[in-house]
């Protein structure tokens, strides 16, 4: 049988291990991003925020049509899939041709605009 002191030390060591193993990190939310950077160009797809990127390291064309922007929203509260901070309602969103799930393409007046997933870790 464990003494109260040994039992307390045992519980504290488990607590330390559990706290140490939890990273506490998460993917950025629209609310966080728009609060810190009100002019950021983002959209949400499958609960992941994507940000406009100018640096494309490869040539990638449009893949499958994923949907259209449902709403332009400049605040992060209640930001949902197919909401965007800059893109107009009705803008078509495509997968990248090589099935890269961390990039999306928006087509605006025939121009392809690339968006990169903002993932933590």
PDB file of N, CA and C in Angstrom:
ATOM      1  N   UNK A   1       0.830  -1.178   0.000  1.00  0.00           N
ATOM      2  CA  UNK A   1       0.000   0.000   0.000  1.00  0.00           C
ATOM      3  C   UNK A   1       0.878   1.247   0.000  1.00  0.00           C
ATOM      4  N   UNK A   2       0.415   2.252  -0.764  1.00  0.00           N
ATOM      5  CA  UNK A   2       1.176   3.480  -0.886  1.00  0.00           C
ATOM      6  C   UNK A   2       0.895   4.419   0.271  1.00  0.00           C
ATOM      7  N   UNK A   3       1.953   5.055   0.703  1.00  0.00           N
ATOM      8  CA  UNK A   3       1.776   6.079   1.733  1.00  0.00           C
ATOM      9  C   UNK A   3       1.182   7.319   1.081  1.00  0.00           C
ATOM     10  N   UNK A   4       0.556   8.184   1.843  1.00  0.00           N
ATOM     11  CA  UNK A   4      -0.029   9.398   1.262  1.00  0.00           C
ATOM     12  C   UNK A   4       0.989  10.262   0.510  1.00  0.00           C
ATOM     13  N   UNK A   5       2.207  10.311   1.014  1.00  0.00           N
ATOM     14  CA  UNK A   5       3.237  11.127   0.347  1.00  0.00           C
ATOM     15  C   UNK A   5       3.596  10.513  -1.003  1.00  0.00           C
ATOM     16  N   UNK A   6       3.794   9.190  -1.044  1.00  0.00           N
ATOM     17  CA  UNK A   6       4.116   8.520  -2.306  1.00  0.00           C
ATOM     18  C   UNK A   6       2.959   8.650  -3.300  1.00  0.00           C
ATOM     19  N   UNK A   7       1.746   8.541  -2.810  1.00  0.00           N
ATOM     20  CA  UNK A   7       0.563   8.678  -3.655  1.00  0.00           C
ATOM     21  C   UNK A   7       0.485  10.090  -4.240  1.00  0.00           C
ATOM     22  N   UNK A   8       0.758  11.079  -3.418  1.00  0.00           N
ATOM     23  CA  UNK A   8       0.742  12.473  -3.873  1.00  0.00           C
ATOM     24  C   UNK A   8       1.829  12.702  -4.928  1.00  0.00           C
ATOM     25  N   UNK A   9       3.018  12.182  -4.697  1.00  0.00           N
ATOM     26  CA  UNK A   9       4.118  12.312  -5.665  1.00  0.00           C
ATOM     27  C   UNK A   9       3.753  11.605  -6.966  1.00  0.00           C
ATOM     28  N   UNK A  10       3.144  10.440  -6.858  1.00  0.00           N
ATOM     29  CA  UNK A  10       2.713   9.698  -8.036  1.00  0.00           C
ATOM     30  C   UNK A  10       1.718  10.519  -8.865  1.00  0.00           C
ATOM     31  N   UNK A  11       0.716  11.092  -8.212  1.00  0.00           N
ATOM     32  CA  UNK A  11      -0.278  11.912  -8.921  1.00  0.00           C
ATOM     33  C   UNK A  11       0.349  13.152  -9.543  1.00  0.00           C
ATOM     34  N   UNK A  12       1.261  13.774  -8.813  1.00  0.00           N
ATOM     35  CA  UNK A  12       1.924  14.971  -9.357  1.00  0.00           C
ATOM     36  C   UNK A  12       2.769  14.622 -10.585  1.00  0.00           C
ATOM     37  N   UNK A  13       3.444  13.476 -10.569  1.00  0.00           N
ATOM     38  CA  UNK A  13       4.266  13.090 -11.721  1.00  0.00           C
ATOM     39  C   UNK A  13       3.390  12.795 -12.940  1.00  0.00           C
ATOM     40  N   UNK A  14       2.244  12.187 -12.731  1.00  0.00           N
ATOM     41  CA  UNK A  14       1.315  11.954 -13.849  1.00  0.00           C
ATOM     42  C   UNK A  14       0.819  13.289 -14.393  1.00  0.00           C
ATOM     43  N   UNK A  15       0.488  14.209 -13.522  1.00  0.00           N
ATOM     44  CA  UNK A  15       0.035  15.537 -13.937  1.00  0.00           C
ATOM     45  C   UNK A  15       1.105  16.235 -14.774  1.00  0.00           C
ATOM     46  N   UNK A  16       2.356  16.179 -14.325  1.00  0.00           N
ATOM     47  CA  UNK A  16       3.459  16.814 -15.051  1.00  0.00           C
ATOM     48  C   UNK A  16       3.608  16.189 -16.434  1.00  0.00           C
ATOM     49  N   UNK A  17       3.521  14.890 -16.531  1.00  0.00           N
ATOM     50  CA  UNK A  17       3.631  14.206 -17.828  1.00  0.00           C
ATOM     51  C   UNK A  17       2.490  14.619 -18.745  1.00  0.00           C
ATOM     52  N   UNK A  18       1.274  14.648 -18.226  1.00  0.00           N
ATOM     53  CA  UNK A  18       0.119  15.020 -19.051  1.00  0.00           C
ATOM     54  C   UNK A  18       0.202  16.451 -19.522  1.00  0.00           C
ATOM     55  N   UNK A  19       0.586  17.362 -18.662  1.00  0.00           N
ATOM     56  CA  UNK A  19       0.706  18.767 -19.042  1.00  0.00           C
ATOM     57  C   UNK A  19       1.842  18.947 -20.038  1.00  0.00           C
ATOM     58  N   UNK A  20       2.929  18.251 -19.824  1.00  0.00           N
ATOM     59  CA  UNK A  20       4.075  18.343 -20.725  1.00  0.00           C
ATOM     60  C   UNK A  20       3.787  17.795 -22.109  1.00  0.00           C
ATOM     61  N   UNK A  21       2.916  16.817 -22.211  1.00  0.00           N
ATOM     62  CA  UNK A  21       2.600  16.212 -23.500  1.00  0.00           C
ATOM     63  C   UNK A  21       1.594  17.018 -24.300  1.00  0.00           C
ATOM     64  N   UNK A  22       0.824  17.839 -23.646  1.00  0.00           N
ATOM     65  CA  UNK A  22      -0.147  18.637 -24.396  1.00  0.00           C
ATOM     66  C   UNK A  22       0.539  19.878 -24.919  1.00  0.00           C
ATOM     67  N   UNK A  23       0.455  20.089 -26.226  1.00  0.00           N
ATOM     68  CA  UNK A  23       1.160  21.211 -26.840  1.00  0.00           C
ATOM     69  C   UNK A  23       0.408  22.511 -26.669  1.00  0.00           C
ATOM     70  N   UNK A  24      -0.892  22.444 -26.632  1.00  0.00           N
ATOM     71  CA  UNK A  24      -1.671  23.667 -26.485  1.00  0.00           C
ATOM     72  C   UNK A  24      -1.744  24.482 -27.765  1.00  0.00           C
ATOM     73  N   UNK A  25      -1.161  24.006 -28.828  1.00  0.00           N
ATOM     74  CA  UNK A  25      -1.202  24.760 -30.083  1.00  0.00           C
ATOM     75  C   UNK A  25      -2.445  24.366 -30.882  1.00  0.00           C
ATOM     76  N   UNK A  26      -2.836  25.263 -31.765  1.00  0.00           N
ATOM     77  CA  UNK A  26      -3.997  25.014 -32.614  1.00  0.00           C
ATOM     78  C   UNK A  26      -3.824  25.794 -33.909  1.00  0.00           C
ATOM     79  N   UNK A  27      -4.572  25.418 -34.893  1.00  0.00           N
ATOM     80  CA  UNK A  27      -4.544  26.168 -36.145  1.00  0.00           C
ATOM     81  C   UNK A  27      -5.129  27.551 -35.899  1.00  0.00           C
ATOM     82  N   UNK A  28      -4.607  28.562 -36.576  1.00  0.00           N
ATOM     83  CA  UNK A  28      -5.147  29.909 -36.378  1.00  0.00           C
ATOM     84  C   UNK A  28      -6.605  29.994 -36.826  1.00  0.00           C
ATOM     85  N   UNK A  29      -7.371  30.827 -36.148  1.00  0.00           N
ATOM     86  CA  UNK A  29      -8.768  31.033 -36.505  1.00  0.00           C
ATOM     87  C   UNK A  29      -8.917  32.365 -37.228  1.00  0.00           C
ATOM     88  N   UNK A  30     -10.014  32.511 -37.947  1.00  0.00           N
ATOM     89  CA  UNK A  30     -10.301  33.768 -38.638  1.00  0.00           C
ATOM     90  C   UNK A  30     -10.404  34.907 -37.637  1.00  0.00           C
ATOM     91  N   UNK A  31     -10.996  34.633 -36.501  1.00  0.00           N
ATOM     92  CA  UNK A  31     -11.158  35.660 -35.473  1.00  0.00           C
ATOM     93  C   UNK A  31      -9.802  36.182 -35.012  1.00  0.00           C
ATOM     94  N   UNK A  32      -8.866  35.283 -34.734  1.00  0.00           N
ATOM     95  CA  UNK A  32      -7.522  35.687 -34.303  1.00  0.00           C
ATOM     96  C   UNK A  32      -6.812  36.484 -35.395  1.00  0.00           C
ATOM     97  N   UNK A  33      -6.851  35.968 -36.613  1.00  0.00           N
ATOM     98  CA  UNK A  33      -6.137  36.604 -37.718  1.00  0.00           C
ATOM     99  C   UNK A  33      -6.689  37.984 -38.061  1.00  0.00           C
ATOM    100  N   UNK A  34      -8.006  38.096 -38.138  1.00  0.00           N
ATOM    101  CA  UNK A  34      -8.606  39.378 -38.509  1.00  0.00           C
ATOM    102  C   UNK A  34      -8.468  40.414 -37.398  1.00  0.00           C
ATOM    103  N   UNK A  35      -8.374  39.953 -36.167  1.00  0.00           N
ATOM    104  CA  UNK A  35      -8.163  40.885 -35.064  1.00  0.00           C
ATOM    105  C   UNK A  35      -6.749  41.466 -35.134  1.00  0.00           C
ATOM    106  N   UNK A  36      -5.763  40.610 -35.417  1.00  0.00           N
ATOM    107  CA  UNK A  36      -4.368  41.042 -35.476  1.00  0.00           C
ATOM    108  C   UNK A  36      -4.021  41.727 -36.794  1.00  0.00           C
ATOM    109  N   UNK A  37      -4.661  41.299 -37.896  1.00  0.00           N
ATOM    110  CA  UNK A  37      -4.342  41.801 -39.239  1.00  0.00           C
ATOM    111  C   UNK A  37      -5.648  42.069 -39.990  1.00  0.00           C
ATOM    112  N   UNK A  38      -6.289  43.207 -39.759  1.00  0.00           N
ATOM    113  CA  UNK A  38      -7.610  43.472 -40.355  1.00  0.00           C
ATOM    114  C   UNK A  38      -7.636  43.446 -41.888  1.00  0.00           C
ATOM    115  N   UNK A  39      -6.486  43.623 -42.540  1.00  0.00           N
ATOM    116  CA  UNK A  39      -6.445  43.653 -44.005  1.00  0.00           C
ATOM    117  C   UNK A  39      -6.039  42.315 -44.628  1.00  0.00           C
ATOM    118  N   UNK A  40      -5.936  41.275 -43.823  1.00  0.00           N
ATOM    119  CA  UNK A  40      -5.490  39.981 -44.338  1.00  0.00           C
ATOM    120  C   UNK A  40      -6.532  39.400 -45.305  1.00  0.00           C
ATOM    121  N   UNK A  41      -6.043  38.722 -46.335  1.00  0.00           N
ATOM    122  CA  UNK A  41      -6.892  38.097 -47.356  1.00  0.00           C
ATOM    123  C   UNK A  41      -6.947  36.597 -47.054  1.00  0.00           C
ATOM    124  N   UNK A  42      -8.049  36.160 -46.450  1.00  0.00           N
ATOM    125  CA  UNK A  42      -8.190  34.754 -46.054  1.00  0.00           C
ATOM    126  C   UNK A  42      -9.513  34.182 -46.543  1.00  0.00           C
ATOM    127  N   UNK A  43      -9.571  32.856 -46.546  1.00  0.00           N
ATOM    128  CA  UNK A  43     -10.825  32.139 -46.777  1.00  0.00           C
ATOM    129  C   UNK A  43     -10.787  30.878 -45.936  1.00  0.00           C
ATOM    130  N   UNK A  44     -11.947  30.280 -45.710  1.00  0.00           N
ATOM    131  CA  UNK A  44     -12.018  29.052 -44.918  1.00  0.00           C
ATOM    132  C   UNK A  44     -12.594  27.932 -45.766  1.00  0.00           C
ATOM    133  N   UNK A  45     -11.942  26.761 -45.675  1.00  0.00           N
ATOM    134  CA  UNK A  45     -12.410  25.557 -46.365  1.00  0.00           C
ATOM    135  C   UNK A  45     -12.116  24.364 -45.463  1.00  0.00           C
ATOM    136  N   UNK A  46     -13.099  23.548 -45.206  1.00  0.00           N
ATOM    137  CA  UNK A  46     -13.005  22.371 -44.339  1.00  0.00           C
ATOM    138  C   UNK A  46     -12.392  22.725 -42.981  1.00  0.00           C
ATOM    139  N   UNK A  47     -12.888  23.817 -42.399  1.00  0.00           N
ATOM    140  CA  UNK A  47     -12.470  24.289 -41.077  1.00  0.00           C
ATOM    141  C   UNK A  47     -11.003  24.689 -40.990  1.00  0.00           C
ATOM    142  N   UNK A  48     -10.355  24.914 -42.116  1.00  0.00           N
ATOM    143  CA  UNK A  48      -8.967  25.378 -42.153  1.00  0.00           C
ATOM    144  C   UNK A  48      -8.949  26.750 -42.815  1.00  0.00           C
ATOM    145  N   UNK A  49      -8.166  27.662 -42.251  1.00  0.00           N
ATOM    146  CA  UNK A  49      -8.018  28.991 -42.813  1.00  0.00           C
ATOM    147  C   UNK A  49      -6.879  28.969 -43.833  1.00  0.00           C
ATOM    148  N   UNK A  50      -7.131  29.570 -44.980  1.00  0.00           N
ATOM    149  CA  UNK A  50      -6.144  29.710 -46.051  1.00  0.00           C
ATOM    150  C   UNK A  50      -5.882  31.190 -46.263  1.00  0.00           C
ATOM    151  N   UNK A  51      -4.614  31.537 -46.472  1.00  0.00           N
ATOM    152  CA  UNK A  51      -4.218  32.926 -46.667  1.00  0.00           C
ATOM    153  C   UNK A  51      -3.620  33.097 -48.058  1.00  0.00           C
ATOM    154  N   UNK A  52      -3.943  34.232 -48.691  1.00  0.00           N
ATOM    155  CA  UNK A  52      -3.407  34.523 -50.028  1.00  0.00           C
ATOM    156  C   UNK A  52      -1.889  34.522 -49.960  1.00  0.00           C
ATOM    157  N   UNK A  53      -1.287  33.904 -50.951  1.00  0.00           N
ATOM    158  CA  UNK A  53       0.168  33.852 -51.019  1.00  0.00           C
ATOM    159  C   UNK A  53       0.642  34.311 -52.386  1.00  0.00           C
ATOM    160  N   UNK A  54       1.730  35.051 -52.391  1.00  0.00           N
ATOM    161  CA  UNK A  54       2.326  35.528 -53.639  1.00  0.00           C
ATOM    162  C   UNK A  54       3.447  34.603 -54.091  1.00  0.00           C
ATOM    163  N   UNK A  55       3.983  33.824 -53.152  1.00  0.00           N
ATOM    164  CA  UNK A  55       5.122  32.967 -53.470  1.00  0.00           C
ATOM    165  C   UNK A  55       4.646  31.571 -53.829  1.00  0.00           C
ATOM    166  N   UNK A  56       4.736  31.246 -55.097  1.00  0.00           N
ATOM    167  CA  UNK A  56       4.377  29.915 -55.574  1.00  0.00           C
ATOM    168  C   UNK A  56       5.658  29.264 -56.078  1.00  0.00           C
ATOM    169  N   UNK A  57       6.004  28.125 -55.491  1.00  0.00           N
ATOM    170  CA  UNK A  57       7.256  27.453 -55.830  1.00  0.00           C
ATOM    171  C   UNK A  57       7.094  26.472 -56.985  1.00  0.00           C
ATOM    172  N   UNK A  58       5.901  26.408 -57.552  1.00  0.00           N
ATOM    173  CA  UNK A  58       5.649  25.446 -58.612  1.00  0.00           C
ATOM    174  C   UNK A  58       4.550  25.987 -59.516  1.00  0.00           C
ATOM    175  N   UNK A  59       4.468  25.441 -60.693  1.00  0.00           N
ATOM    176  CA  UNK A  59       3.392  25.792 -61.623  1.00  0.00           C
ATOM    177  C   UNK A  59       2.243  24.819 -61.379  1.00  0.00           C
ATOM    178  N   UNK A  60       1.128  25.343 -60.949  1.00  0.00           N
ATOM    179  CA  UNK A  60      -0.007  24.469 -60.662  1.00  0.00           C
ATOM    180  C   UNK A  60      -1.269  25.074 -61.241  1.00  0.00           C
ATOM    181  N   UNK A  61      -1.996  24.248 -61.961  1.00  0.00           N
ATOM    182  CA  UNK A  61      -3.246  24.708 -62.529  1.00  0.00           C
ATOM    183  C   UNK A  61      -4.423  24.324 -61.659  1.00  0.00           C
ATOM    184  N   UNK A  62      -5.593  24.702 -62.122  1.00  0.00           N
ATOM    185  CA  UNK A  62      -6.822  24.406 -61.391  1.00  0.00           C
ATOM    186  C   UNK A  62      -7.130  22.923 -61.429  1.00  0.00           C
ATOM    187  N   UNK A  63      -7.578  22.447 -60.303  1.00  0.00           N
ATOM    188  CA  UNK A  63      -8.083  21.087 -60.198  1.00  0.00           C
ATOM    189  C   UNK A  63      -9.600  21.141 -60.172  1.00  0.00           C
ATOM    190  N   UNK A  64     -10.195  20.292 -59.376  1.00  0.00           N
ATOM    191  CA  UNK A  64     -11.656  20.221 -59.264  1.00  0.00           C
ATOM    192  C   UNK A  64     -12.229  21.466 -58.604  1.00  0.00           C
ATOM    193  N   UNK A  65     -13.415  21.847 -59.044  1.00  0.00           N
ATOM    194  CA  UNK A  65     -14.146  22.934 -58.402  1.00  0.00           C
ATOM    195  C   UNK A  65     -14.623  22.445 -57.036  1.00  0.00           C
ATOM    196  N   UNK A  66     -14.281  23.184 -55.990  1.00  0.00           N
ATOM    197  CA  UNK A  66     -14.673  22.808 -54.630  1.00  0.00           C
ATOM    198  C   UNK A  66     -15.944  23.504 -54.183  1.00  0.00           C
ATOM    199  N   UNK A  67     -16.166  24.704 -54.717  1.00  0.00           N
ATOM    200  CA  UNK A  67     -17.339  25.478 -54.333  1.00  0.00           C
ATOM    201  C   UNK A  67     -17.142  26.946 -54.649  1.00  0.00           C
ATOM    202  N   UNK A  68     -18.024  27.762 -54.107  1.00  0.00           N
ATOM    203  CA  UNK A  68     -17.969  29.203 -54.316  1.00  0.00           C
ATOM    204  C   UNK A  68     -18.024  29.916 -52.975  1.00  0.00           C
ATOM    205  N   UNK A  69     -17.455  31.106 -52.939  1.00  0.00           N
ATOM    206  CA  UNK A  69     -17.526  31.923 -51.731  1.00  0.00           C
ATOM    207  C   UNK A  69     -18.990  32.278 -51.485  1.00  0.00           C
ATOM    208  N   UNK A  70     -19.444  32.001 -50.268  1.00  0.00           N
ATOM    209  CA  UNK A  70     -20.833  32.277 -49.891  1.00  0.00           C
ATOM    210  C   UNK A  70     -21.017  33.668 -49.303  1.00  0.00           C
ATOM    211  N   UNK A  71     -19.945  34.168 -48.681  1.00  0.00           N
ATOM    212  CA  UNK A  71     -20.093  35.452 -47.994  1.00  0.00           C
ATOM    213  C   UNK A  71     -18.728  36.097 -47.796  1.00  0.00           C
ATOM    214  N   UNK A  72     -18.685  37.426 -47.959  1.00  0.00           N
ATOM    215  CA  UNK A  72     -17.494  38.185 -47.599  1.00  0.00           C
ATOM    216  C   UNK A  72     -17.713  38.682 -46.170  1.00  0.00           C
ATOM    217  N   UNK A  73     -16.730  38.418 -45.316  1.00  0.00           N
ATOM    218  CA  UNK A  73     -16.874  38.762 -43.901  1.00  0.00           C
ATOM    219  C   UNK A  73     -15.563  39.357 -43.408  1.00  0.00           C
ATOM    220  N   UNK A  74     -15.633  40.504 -42.749  1.00  0.00           N
ATOM    221  CA  UNK A  74     -14.424  41.177 -42.288  1.00  0.00           C
ATOM    222  C   UNK A  74     -14.198  41.026 -40.786  1.00  0.00           C
ATOM    223  N   UNK A  75     -15.062  40.275 -40.123  1.00  0.00           N
ATOM    224  CA  UNK A  75     -14.837  39.935 -38.720  1.00  0.00           C
ATOM    225  C   UNK A  75     -14.767  38.416 -38.619  1.00  0.00           C
ATOM    226  N   UNK A  76     -14.063  37.937 -37.610  1.00  0.00           N
ATOM    227  CA  UNK A  76     -13.842  36.503 -37.506  1.00  0.00           C
ATOM    228  C   UNK A  76     -14.932  35.731 -36.798  1.00  0.00           C
ATOM    229  N   UNK A  77     -15.859  36.424 -36.159  1.00  0.00           N
ATOM    230  CA  UNK A  77     -16.893  35.693 -35.441  1.00  0.00           C
ATOM    231  C   UNK A  77     -17.813  34.989 -36.434  1.00  0.00           C
ATOM    232  N   UNK A  78     -18.106  33.742 -36.136  1.00  0.00           N
ATOM    233  CA  UNK A  78     -18.976  32.902 -36.963  1.00  0.00           C
ATOM    234  C   UNK A  78     -18.478  32.760 -38.405  1.00  0.00           C
ATOM    235  N   UNK A  79     -17.177  32.742 -38.595  1.00  0.00           N
ATOM    236  CA  UNK A  79     -16.564  32.537 -39.908  1.00  0.00           C
ATOM    237  C   UNK A  79     -16.733  31.063 -40.258  1.00  0.00           C
ATOM    238  N   UNK A  80     -17.260  30.760 -41.435  1.00  0.00           N
ATOM    239  CA  UNK A  80     -17.571  29.389 -41.835  1.00  0.00           C
ATOM    240  C   UNK A  80     -16.879  29.027 -43.141  1.00  0.00           C
ATOM    241  N   UNK A  81     -17.000  27.749 -43.513  1.00  0.00           N
ATOM    242  CA  UNK A  81     -16.448  27.308 -44.799  1.00  0.00           C
ATOM    243  C   UNK A  81     -17.058  28.128 -45.932  1.00  0.00           C
ATOM    244  N   UNK A  82     -16.198  28.476 -46.887  1.00  0.00           N
ATOM    245  CA  UNK A  82     -16.539  29.284 -48.056  1.00  0.00           C
ATOM    246  C   UNK A  82     -16.911  30.725 -47.694  1.00  0.00           C
ATOM    247  N   UNK A  83     -16.409  31.202 -46.558  1.00  0.00           N
ATOM    248  CA  UNK A  83     -16.436  32.622 -46.221  1.00  0.00           C
ATOM    249  C   UNK A  83     -15.041  33.158 -46.527  1.00  0.00           C
ATOM    250  N   UNK A  84     -14.962  34.420 -46.923  1.00  0.00           N
ATOM    251  CA  UNK A  84     -13.683  35.041 -47.238  1.00  0.00           C
ATOM    252  C   UNK A  84     -13.676  36.480 -46.749  1.00  0.00           C
ATOM    253  N   UNK A  85     -12.475  36.990 -46.501  1.00  0.00           N
ATOM    254  CA  UNK A  85     -12.356  38.367 -46.027  1.00  0.00           C
ATOM    255  C   UNK A  85     -12.257  39.366 -47.177  1.00  0.00           C
ATOM    256  N   UNK A  86     -11.785  38.940 -48.332  1.00  0.00           N
ATOM    257  CA  UNK A  86     -11.604  39.859 -49.471  1.00  0.00           C
ATOM    258  C   UNK A  86     -12.336  39.415 -50.736  1.00  0.00           C
ATOM    259  N   UNK A  87     -12.425  38.111 -50.958  1.00  0.00           N
ATOM    260  CA  UNK A  87     -13.047  37.607 -52.186  1.00  0.00           C
ATOM    261  C   UNK A  87     -14.554  37.870 -52.176  1.00  0.00           C
ATOM    262  N   UNK A  88     -15.067  38.178 -53.336  1.00  0.00           N
ATOM    263  CA  UNK A  88     -16.499  38.470 -53.474  1.00  0.00           C
ATOM    264  C   UNK A  88     -17.329  37.187 -53.444  1.00  0.00           C
ATOM    265  N   UNK A  89     -18.565  37.326 -53.023  1.00  0.00           N
ATOM    266  CA  UNK A  89     -19.512  36.217 -53.052  1.00  0.00           C
ATOM    267  C   UNK A  89     -19.599  35.703 -54.492  1.00  0.00           C
ATOM    268  N   UNK A  90     -19.584  34.383 -54.646  1.00  0.00           N
ATOM    269  CA  UNK A  90     -19.662  33.775 -55.968  1.00  0.00           C
ATOM    270  C   UNK A  90     -18.313  33.433 -56.579  1.00  0.00           C
ATOM    271  N   UNK A  91     -17.211  33.889 -55.970  1.00  0.00           N
ATOM    272  CA  UNK A  91     -15.875  33.545 -56.481  1.00  0.00           C
ATOM    273  C   UNK A  91     -15.683  32.041 -56.391  1.00  0.00           C
ATOM    274  N   UNK A  92     -15.249  31.440 -57.485  1.00  0.00           N
ATOM    275  CA  UNK A  92     -15.059  29.986 -57.539  1.00  0.00           C
ATOM    276  C   UNK A  92     -13.732  29.600 -56.883  1.00  0.00           C
ATOM    277  N   UNK A  93     -13.794  28.526 -56.086  1.00  0.00           N
ATOM    278  CA  UNK A  93     -12.624  28.010 -55.386  1.00  0.00           C
ATOM    279  C   UNK A  93     -12.323  26.614 -55.928  1.00  0.00           C
ATOM    280  N   UNK A  94     -11.055  26.407 -56.297  1.00  0.00           N
ATOM    281  CA  UNK A  94     -10.617  25.146 -56.902  1.00  0.00           C
ATOM    282  C   UNK A  94      -9.526  24.487 -56.068  1.00  0.00           C
ATOM    283  N   UNK A  95      -9.456  23.169 -56.188  1.00  0.00           N
ATOM    284  CA  UNK A  95      -8.306  22.440 -55.669  1.00  0.00           C
ATOM    285  C   UNK A  95      -7.134  22.739 -56.595  1.00  0.00           C
ATOM    286  N   UNK A  96      -5.939  22.512 -56.104  1.00  0.00           N
ATOM    287  CA  UNK A  96      -4.753  22.635 -56.953  1.00  0.00           C
ATOM    288  C   UNK A  96      -4.667  21.366 -57.779  1.00  0.00           C
ATOM    289  N   UNK A  97      -4.216  21.480 -59.019  1.00  0.00           N
ATOM    290  CA  UNK A  97      -4.211  20.371 -59.963  1.00  0.00           C
ATOM    291  C   UNK A  97      -3.584  19.088 -59.466  1.00  0.00           C
ATOM    292  N   UNK A  98      -2.523  19.190 -58.660  1.00  0.00           N
ATOM    293  CA  UNK A  98      -1.853  17.967 -58.203  1.00  0.00           C
ATOM    294  C   UNK A  98      -2.414  17.447 -56.886  1.00  0.00           C
ATOM    295  N   UNK A  99      -3.606  17.892 -56.525  1.00  0.00           N
ATOM    296  CA  UNK A  99      -4.286  17.422 -55.312  1.00  0.00           C
ATOM    297  C   UNK A  99      -3.594  17.851 -54.030  1.00  0.00           C
ATOM    298  N   UNK A 100      -2.875  18.958 -54.049  1.00  0.00           N
ATOM    299  CA  UNK A 100      -2.224  19.487 -52.858  1.00  0.00           C
ATOM    300  C   UNK A 100      -3.301  20.042 -51.935  1.00  0.00           C
ATOM    301  N   UNK A 101      -3.515  19.386 -50.803  1.00  0.00           N
ATOM    302  CA  UNK A 101      -4.590  19.792 -49.905  1.00  0.00           C
ATOM    303  C   UNK A 101      -4.234  21.022 -49.079  1.00  0.00           C
ATOM    304  N   UNK A 102      -3.002  21.502 -49.189  1.00  0.00           N
ATOM    305  CA  UNK A 102      -2.585  22.667 -48.424  1.00  0.00           C
ATOM    306  C   UNK A 102      -2.610  23.940 -49.261  1.00  0.00           C
ATOM    307  N   UNK A 103      -3.111  23.850 -50.471  1.00  0.00           N
ATOM    308  CA  UNK A 103      -3.230  25.009 -51.363  1.00  0.00           C
ATOM    309  C   UNK A 103      -4.609  24.985 -52.021  1.00  0.00           C
ATOM    310  N   UNK A 104      -5.161  26.169 -52.219  1.00  0.00           N
ATOM    311  CA  UNK A 104      -6.403  26.335 -52.964  1.00  0.00           C
ATOM    312  C   UNK A 104      -6.188  27.432 -53.994  1.00  0.00           C
ATOM    313  N   UNK A 105      -7.066  27.464 -54.994  1.00  0.00           N
ATOM    314  CA  UNK A 105      -7.005  28.489 -56.033  1.00  0.00           C
ATOM    315  C   UNK A 105      -8.359  29.170 -56.127  1.00  0.00           C
ATOM    316  N   UNK A 106      -8.324  30.497 -56.145  1.00  0.00           N
ATOM    317  CA  UNK A 106      -9.528  31.284 -56.415  1.00  0.00           C
ATOM    318  C   UNK A 106      -9.355  31.873 -57.806  1.00  0.00           C
ATOM    319  N   UNK A 107     -10.447  31.886 -58.572  1.00  0.00           N
ATOM    320  CA  UNK A 107     -10.381  32.477 -59.910  1.00  0.00           C
ATOM    321  C   UNK A 107     -11.177  33.779 -59.902  1.00  0.00           C
ATOM    322  N   UNK A 108     -10.450  34.889 -60.162  1.00  0.00           N
ATOM    323  CA  UNK A 108     -11.060  36.213 -60.180  1.00  0.00           C
ATOM    324  C   UNK A 108     -10.749  36.862 -61.527  1.00  0.00           C
ATOM    325  N   UNK A 109     -11.783  37.090 -62.324  1.00  0.00           N
ATOM    326  CA  UNK A 109     -11.633  37.690 -63.658  1.00  0.00           C
ATOM    327  C   UNK A 109     -10.576  36.977 -64.496  1.00  0.00           C
ATOM    328  N   UNK A 110     -10.570  35.654 -64.445  1.00  0.00           N
ATOM    329  CA  UNK A 110      -9.645  34.850 -65.238  1.00  0.00           C
ATOM    330  C   UNK A 110      -8.266  34.703 -64.619  1.00  0.00           C
ATOM    331  N   UNK A 111      -7.993  35.417 -63.543  1.00  0.00           N
ATOM    332  CA  UNK A 111      -6.698  35.342 -62.868  1.00  0.00           C
ATOM    333  C   UNK A 111      -6.771  34.316 -61.739  1.00  0.00           C
ATOM    334  N   UNK A 112      -5.705  33.512 -61.615  1.00  0.00           N
ATOM    335  CA  UNK A 112      -5.639  32.520 -60.555  1.00  0.00           C
ATOM    336  C   UNK A 112      -4.920  33.114 -59.348  1.00  0.00           C
ATOM    337  N   UNK A 113      -5.578  33.037 -58.198  1.00  0.00           N
ATOM    338  CA  UNK A 113      -5.008  33.549 -56.951  1.00  0.00           C
ATOM    339  C   UNK A 113      -4.833  32.355 -56.023  1.00  0.00           C
ATOM    340  N   UNK A 114      -3.624  32.205 -55.497  1.00  0.00           N
ATOM    341  CA  UNK A 114      -3.290  31.042 -54.682  1.00  0.00           C
ATOM    342  C   UNK A 114      -3.440  31.350 -53.194  1.00  0.00           C
ATOM    343  N   UNK A 115      -3.956  30.362 -52.471  1.00  0.00           N
ATOM    344  CA  UNK A 115      -4.152  30.462 -51.023  1.00  0.00           C
ATOM    345  C   UNK A 115      -3.497  29.250 -50.368  1.00  0.00           C
ATOM    346  N   UNK A 116      -2.748  29.507 -49.315  1.00  0.00           N
ATOM    347  CA  UNK A 116      -2.015  28.450 -48.603  1.00  0.00           C
ATOM    348  C   UNK A 116      -2.642  28.229 -47.232  1.00  0.00           C
ATOM    349  N   UNK A 117      -2.757  26.963 -46.830  1.00  0.00           N
ATOM    350  CA  UNK A 117      -3.322  26.610 -45.523  1.00  0.00           C
ATOM    351  C   UNK A 117      -2.430  27.132 -44.415  1.00  0.00           C
ATOM    352  N   UNK A 118      -3.049  27.676 -43.381  1.00  0.00           N
ATOM    353  CA  UNK A 118      -2.326  28.139 -42.204  1.00  0.00           C
ATOM    354  C   UNK A 118      -2.475  27.072 -41.123  1.00  0.00           C
ATOM    355  N   UNK A 119      -1.438  26.247 -40.988  1.00  0.00           N
ATOM    356  CA  UNK A 119      -1.481  25.135 -40.050  1.00  0.00           C
ATOM    357  C   UNK A 119      -0.435  25.334 -38.976  1.00  0.00           C
ATOM    358  N   UNK A 120      -0.794  25.040 -37.752  1.00  0.00           N
ATOM    359  CA  UNK A 120       0.128  25.158 -36.634  1.00  0.00           C
ATOM    360  C   UNK A 120       0.938  23.883 -36.533  1.00  0.00           C
ATOM    361  N   UNK A 121       2.197  24.039 -36.181  1.00  0.00           N
ATOM    362  CA  UNK A 121       3.030  22.874 -35.908  1.00  0.00           C
ATOM    363  C   UNK A 121       3.781  22.478 -37.087  1.00  0.00           C
TER     364      UNK A 121
END
